[in-house]
Amino acid sequence: METLDQVNSRIVVCEHCPRLRAWCALIAMEKRRAFEEWTYWGLPVPNFGDPAATRLIVGLAPAAHGANRTGRMFTGDRSGEWLFRALYKAGAANQAESSSKDDGLRLRGVLITAIVHCAPPDNKPTPTEIAFCRTHLTATLCLSSWDSILCLGSLAWHHTLKALGERPCQFGHGASIRTTEGIEVLASYHPSQQNTFTGKLTEEMLDEVTRRFLSAVRSPESREQPPSA
């Protein structure tokens, strides 16, 4: 079985998607005025969290001026503010804020990944780009005998189930299934501004599904082997 460091090492040097690599490099060069003093990360963003995690959060992709800038999943944007606040309130993070890679944030028992590790234009990766990045998702799924997986958004939900070899299942906030290997997979609306500003996703909704995600337990019998993704 690979280690988290080995999987992350392959992610950060990945060059499979020319469109995404060109876009990330362009954003890193042009920057946003508010971050003009930053040296943008501009590379594929590795997984972040506890190397011994038994719970996995799957997002869509890094934000152009969020993780593509800071180099850490969900760090430096509004989506991350919501996610890490929920994890902190549930006891899975040592602080609620996430601004940079050296801000002291630590996760307990949780790892964060995405179905695409490069920031895509308009936050819309193509099916081909998602397919190329599935290699990294599959490797991440094989890192642990997961108790639970929380999918943020419909694309994360559908592609995580596909990578796990599960049948398609309708997405909806709070939906959940238990895989054939005993993993509880839960769905949540993505904490994007589009959802949080409109009230489609409230803090109470995110807190509740986060608590469910953190309390799910895999049976001892099914824990003997990691996912065969």
Protein backbone atom coordinates (compact mmCIF):
# COMPACT_ATOMS: atom_id res chain seq x y z
CA MET A 1 0.00 0.00 0.00
CA GLU A 2 1.28 3.48 -0.88
CA THR A 3 1.73 6.23 1.67
CA LEU A 4 0.05 9.63 1.57
CA ASP A 5 3.39 11.25 0.76
CA GLN A 6 3.89 8.96 -2.22
CA VAL A 7 0.44 9.72 -3.63
CA ASN A 8 0.91 13.45 -3.08
CA SER A 9 4.33 13.38 -4.75
CA ARG A 10 2.75 12.06 -7.93
CA ILE A 11 -0.08 14.56 -7.80
CA VAL A 12 2.08 17.69 -7.67
CA VAL A 13 4.12 16.74 -10.75
CA CYS A 14 1.16 15.59 -12.84
CA GLU A 15 1.07 17.05 -16.37
CA HIS A 16 -1.76 14.99 -17.90
CA CYS A 17 -4.11 17.91 -18.65
CA PRO A 18 -2.48 20.69 -20.74
CA ARG A 19 -5.51 22.98 -20.53
CA LEU A 20 -5.55 22.90 -16.74
CA ARG A 21 -1.81 23.27 -16.38
CA ALA A 22 -1.84 26.29 -18.71
CA TRP A 23 -4.75 27.86 -16.84
CA CYS A 24 -3.16 27.40 -13.40
CA ALA A 25 0.12 28.89 -14.65
CA LEU A 26 -1.71 31.87 -16.17
CA ILE A 27 -3.63 32.57 -12.96
CA ALA A 28 -0.42 32.25 -10.94
CA MET A 29 1.21 34.85 -13.16
CA GLU A 30 -1.66 37.33 -13.50
CA LYS A 31 -2.91 36.92 -9.90
CA ARG A 32 -5.76 38.84 -8.31
CA ARG A 33 -5.07 42.38 -7.11
CA ALA A 34 -5.84 41.45 -3.51
CA PHE A 35 -3.12 38.78 -3.66
CA GLU A 36 -0.51 40.48 -5.81
CA GLU A 37 2.13 40.04 -3.07
CA TRP A 38 1.60 36.28 -3.05
CA THR A 39 3.70 33.75 -4.89
CA TYR A 40 0.97 31.47 -6.19
CA TRP A 41 1.36 27.71 -5.86
CA GLY A 42 0.18 27.17 -9.43
CA LEU A 43 0.71 23.37 -9.40
CA PRO A 44 -1.67 20.44 -8.87
CA VAL A 45 -2.81 20.63 -5.26
CA PRO A 46 -2.02 17.57 -3.11
CA ASN A 47 -4.28 15.89 -0.56
CA PHE A 48 -4.35 17.50 2.87
CA GLY A 49 -5.02 16.14 6.33
CA ASP A 50 -4.19 13.41 8.80
CA PRO A 51 -1.92 10.69 7.31
CA ALA A 52 -3.69 8.18 9.58
CA ALA A 53 -7.18 9.36 8.58
CA THR A 54 -10.09 6.94 8.33
CA ARG A 55 -12.49 9.59 6.98
CA LEU A 56 -12.22 11.21 3.56
CA ILE A 57 -13.72 14.43 2.18
CA VAL A 58 -13.94 14.70 -1.62
CA GLY A 59 -14.34 18.11 -3.26
CA LEU A 60 -14.52 19.19 -6.89
CA ALA A 61 -11.28 21.07 -7.66
CA PRO A 62 -9.01 23.82 -6.29
CA ALA A 63 -10.25 27.38 -6.58
CA ALA A 64 -8.17 29.58 -8.90
CA HIS A 65 -7.34 32.11 -6.17
CA GLY A 66 -7.84 29.71 -3.27
CA ALA A 67 -5.93 26.42 -3.25
CA ASN A 68 -4.23 27.25 -6.56
CA ARG A 69 -2.75 30.22 -4.68
CA THR A 70 -2.06 28.67 -1.28
CA GLY A 71 -1.22 25.11 -2.32
CA ARG A 72 -3.57 23.52 0.22
CA MET A 73 -7.04 22.09 -0.29
CA PHE A 74 -9.90 24.47 0.55
CA THR A 75 -7.46 27.07 1.87
CA GLY A 76 -7.84 30.75 1.10
CA ASP A 77 -11.43 30.86 -0.16
CA ARG A 78 -14.99 31.11 1.21
CA SER A 79 -15.74 27.42 0.66
CA GLY A 80 -12.86 26.53 2.95
CA GLU A 81 -14.09 28.94 5.60
CA TRP A 82 -17.36 27.03 5.78
CA LEU A 83 -15.79 23.57 5.64
CA PHE A 84 -13.09 24.10 8.26
CA ARG A 85 -15.49 25.91 10.56
CA ALA A 86 -17.77 22.86 10.43
CA LEU A 87 -14.85 20.49 11.07
CA TYR A 88 -13.63 22.63 13.97
CA LYS A 89 -17.07 22.70 15.60
CA ALA A 90 -17.23 18.92 15.26
CA GLY A 91 -13.78 18.46 16.84
CA ALA A 92 -11.95 17.30 13.70
CA ALA A 93 -9.80 20.44 13.27
CA ASN A 94 -7.70 22.38 15.76
CA GLN A 95 -8.88 25.75 14.42
CA ALA A 96 -11.67 27.18 12.29
CA GLU A 97 -9.52 29.38 10.06
CA SER A 98 -7.60 28.36 6.95
CA SER A 99 -5.59 31.08 5.23
CA SER A 100 -2.22 29.59 4.23
CA LYS A 101 -0.16 26.39 4.38
CA ASP A 102 1.70 27.63 7.46
CA ASP A 103 -1.30 28.82 9.50
CA GLY A 104 -1.08 25.89 11.93
CA LEU A 105 -4.25 24.11 10.83
CA ARG A 106 -4.32 20.39 11.65
CA LEU A 107 -7.03 17.83 10.96
CA ARG A 108 -7.79 14.85 13.20
CA GLY A 109 -8.74 11.63 11.48
CA VAL A 110 -9.76 13.40 8.26
CA LEU A 111 -8.13 13.67 4.83
CA ILE A 112 -9.30 16.04 2.06
CA THR A 113 -8.99 15.30 -1.65
CA ALA A 114 -10.74 16.29 -4.89
CA ILE A 115 -11.81 14.66 -8.14
CA VAL A 116 -9.56 17.15 -9.99
CA HIS A 117 -6.34 18.53 -8.47
CA CYS A 118 -5.85 21.53 -10.79
CA ALA A 119 -8.00 24.66 -10.84
CA PRO A 120 -10.26 24.52 -13.94
CA PRO A 121 -11.55 27.55 -15.88
CA ASP A 122 -15.02 28.53 -14.57
CA ASN A 123 -14.71 25.69 -12.03
CA LYS A 124 -15.72 23.25 -14.77
CA PRO A 125 -13.32 20.39 -15.49
CA THR A 126 -14.06 18.40 -18.62
CA PRO A 127 -15.04 14.70 -18.48
CA THR A 128 -11.62 13.86 -19.96
CA GLU A 129 -9.82 15.84 -17.25
CA ILE A 130 -11.85 14.14 -14.54
CA ALA A 131 -11.02 10.77 -16.08
CA PHE A 132 -7.28 11.54 -16.13
CA CYS A 133 -7.37 12.62 -12.48
CA ARG A 134 -9.25 9.49 -11.42
CA THR A 135 -5.85 7.80 -11.11
CA HIS A 136 -5.12 10.08 -8.14
CA LEU A 137 -8.59 9.59 -6.66
CA THR A 138 -8.23 5.82 -6.92
CA ALA A 139 -4.81 5.94 -5.26
CA THR A 140 -6.23 8.10 -2.47
CA LEU A 141 -9.16 5.75 -1.94
CA CYS A 142 -6.65 2.91 -1.45
CA LEU A 143 -4.77 4.72 1.33
CA SER A 144 -7.01 3.57 4.17
CA SER A 145 -9.91 1.39 5.26
CA TRP A 146 -12.27 4.36 5.32
CA ASP A 147 -15.08 4.58 7.83
CA SER A 148 -16.83 7.26 5.84
CA ILE A 149 -16.52 9.51 2.79
CA LEU A 150 -18.19 12.92 2.47
CA CYS A 151 -18.74 14.10 -1.13
CA LEU A 152 -19.14 17.84 -1.61
CA GLY A 153 -21.32 18.37 -4.67
CA SER A 154 -22.91 16.11 -7.27
CA LEU A 155 -19.77 15.59 -9.35
CA ALA A 156 -17.78 14.48 -6.32
CA TRP A 157 -20.64 12.15 -5.38
CA HIS A 158 -21.00 10.51 -8.78
CA HIS A 159 -17.30 10.15 -9.52
CA THR A 160 -16.43 8.87 -6.05
CA LEU A 161 -19.09 6.17 -6.34
CA LYS A 162 -17.77 5.31 -9.80
CA ALA A 163 -14.19 5.05 -8.52
CA LEU A 164 -15.42 2.77 -5.73
CA GLY A 165 -17.14 0.53 -8.27
CA GLU A 166 -20.60 1.32 -6.90
CA ARG A 167 -23.78 1.74 -8.93
CA PRO A 168 -24.92 5.32 -9.68
CA CYS A 169 -27.13 6.79 -6.97
CA GLN A 170 -29.18 9.98 -7.06
CA PHE A 171 -27.45 12.98 -5.49
CA GLY A 172 -29.11 15.05 -2.81
CA HIS A 173 -27.96 16.84 0.29
CA GLY A 174 -27.85 14.33 3.12
CA ALA A 175 -28.09 11.29 0.85
CA SER A 176 -26.01 8.31 1.92
CA ILE A 177 -25.23 4.77 0.92
CA ARG A 178 -23.15 2.01 2.46
CA THR A 179 -20.83 0.42 -0.07
CA THR A 180 -20.33 -3.28 -0.51
CA GLU A 181 -17.12 -2.87 1.49
CA GLY A 182 -18.91 -1.20 4.40
CA ILE A 183 -17.98 2.44 3.80
CA GLU A 184 -20.64 5.06 4.58
CA VAL A 185 -20.66 7.54 1.67
CA LEU A 186 -22.54 10.78 2.32
CA ALA A 187 -23.50 13.66 0.05
CA SER A 188 -23.56 17.40 0.76
CA TYR A 189 -24.13 20.46 -1.31
CA HIS A 190 -20.76 22.05 -2.01
CA PRO A 191 -20.04 25.02 0.32
CA SER A 192 -19.52 27.30 -2.68
CA GLN A 193 -20.69 30.89 -2.59
CA GLN A 194 -23.34 30.00 -5.14
CA ASN A 195 -24.91 27.68 -2.57
CA THR A 196 -24.15 29.52 0.67
CA PHE A 197 -25.14 33.01 -0.51
CA THR A 198 -28.48 31.76 -1.80
CA GLY A 199 -29.25 29.74 1.31
CA LYS A 200 -29.30 26.44 -0.59
CA LEU A 201 -26.69 25.32 1.94
CA THR A 202 -26.83 26.69 5.48
CA GLU A 203 -24.29 26.27 8.27
CA GLU A 204 -26.76 24.09 10.14
CA MET A 205 -27.09 21.78 7.12
CA LEU A 206 -23.31 21.49 6.71
CA ASP A 207 -22.79 20.99 10.45
CA GLU A 208 -25.36 18.19 10.53
CA VAL A 209 -23.93 16.22 7.61
CA THR A 210 -20.41 16.74 8.98
CA ARG A 211 -21.46 15.23 12.31
CA ARG A 212 -22.96 12.25 10.50
CA PHE A 213 -19.78 11.85 8.47
CA LEU A 214 -17.61 11.89 11.59
CA SER A 215 -19.79 9.47 13.56
CA ALA A 216 -20.15 6.76 10.90
CA VAL A 217 -18.30 3.56 11.78
CA ARG A 218 -17.26 0.75 9.48
CA SER A 219 -17.90 -2.80 10.69
CA PRO A 220 -14.83 -4.69 12.02
CA GLU A 221 -15.31 -7.43 9.41
CA SER A 222 -15.18 -5.04 6.46
CA ARG A 223 -12.20 -3.13 7.88
CA GLU A 224 -9.80 -5.98 7.18
CA GLN A 225 -9.13 -4.76 3.64
CA PRO A 226 -8.91 -1.22 2.16
CA PRO A 227 -11.19 -0.29 -0.75
CA SER A 228 -10.40 -2.15 -3.96
CA ALA A 229 -10.86 1.00 -6.06
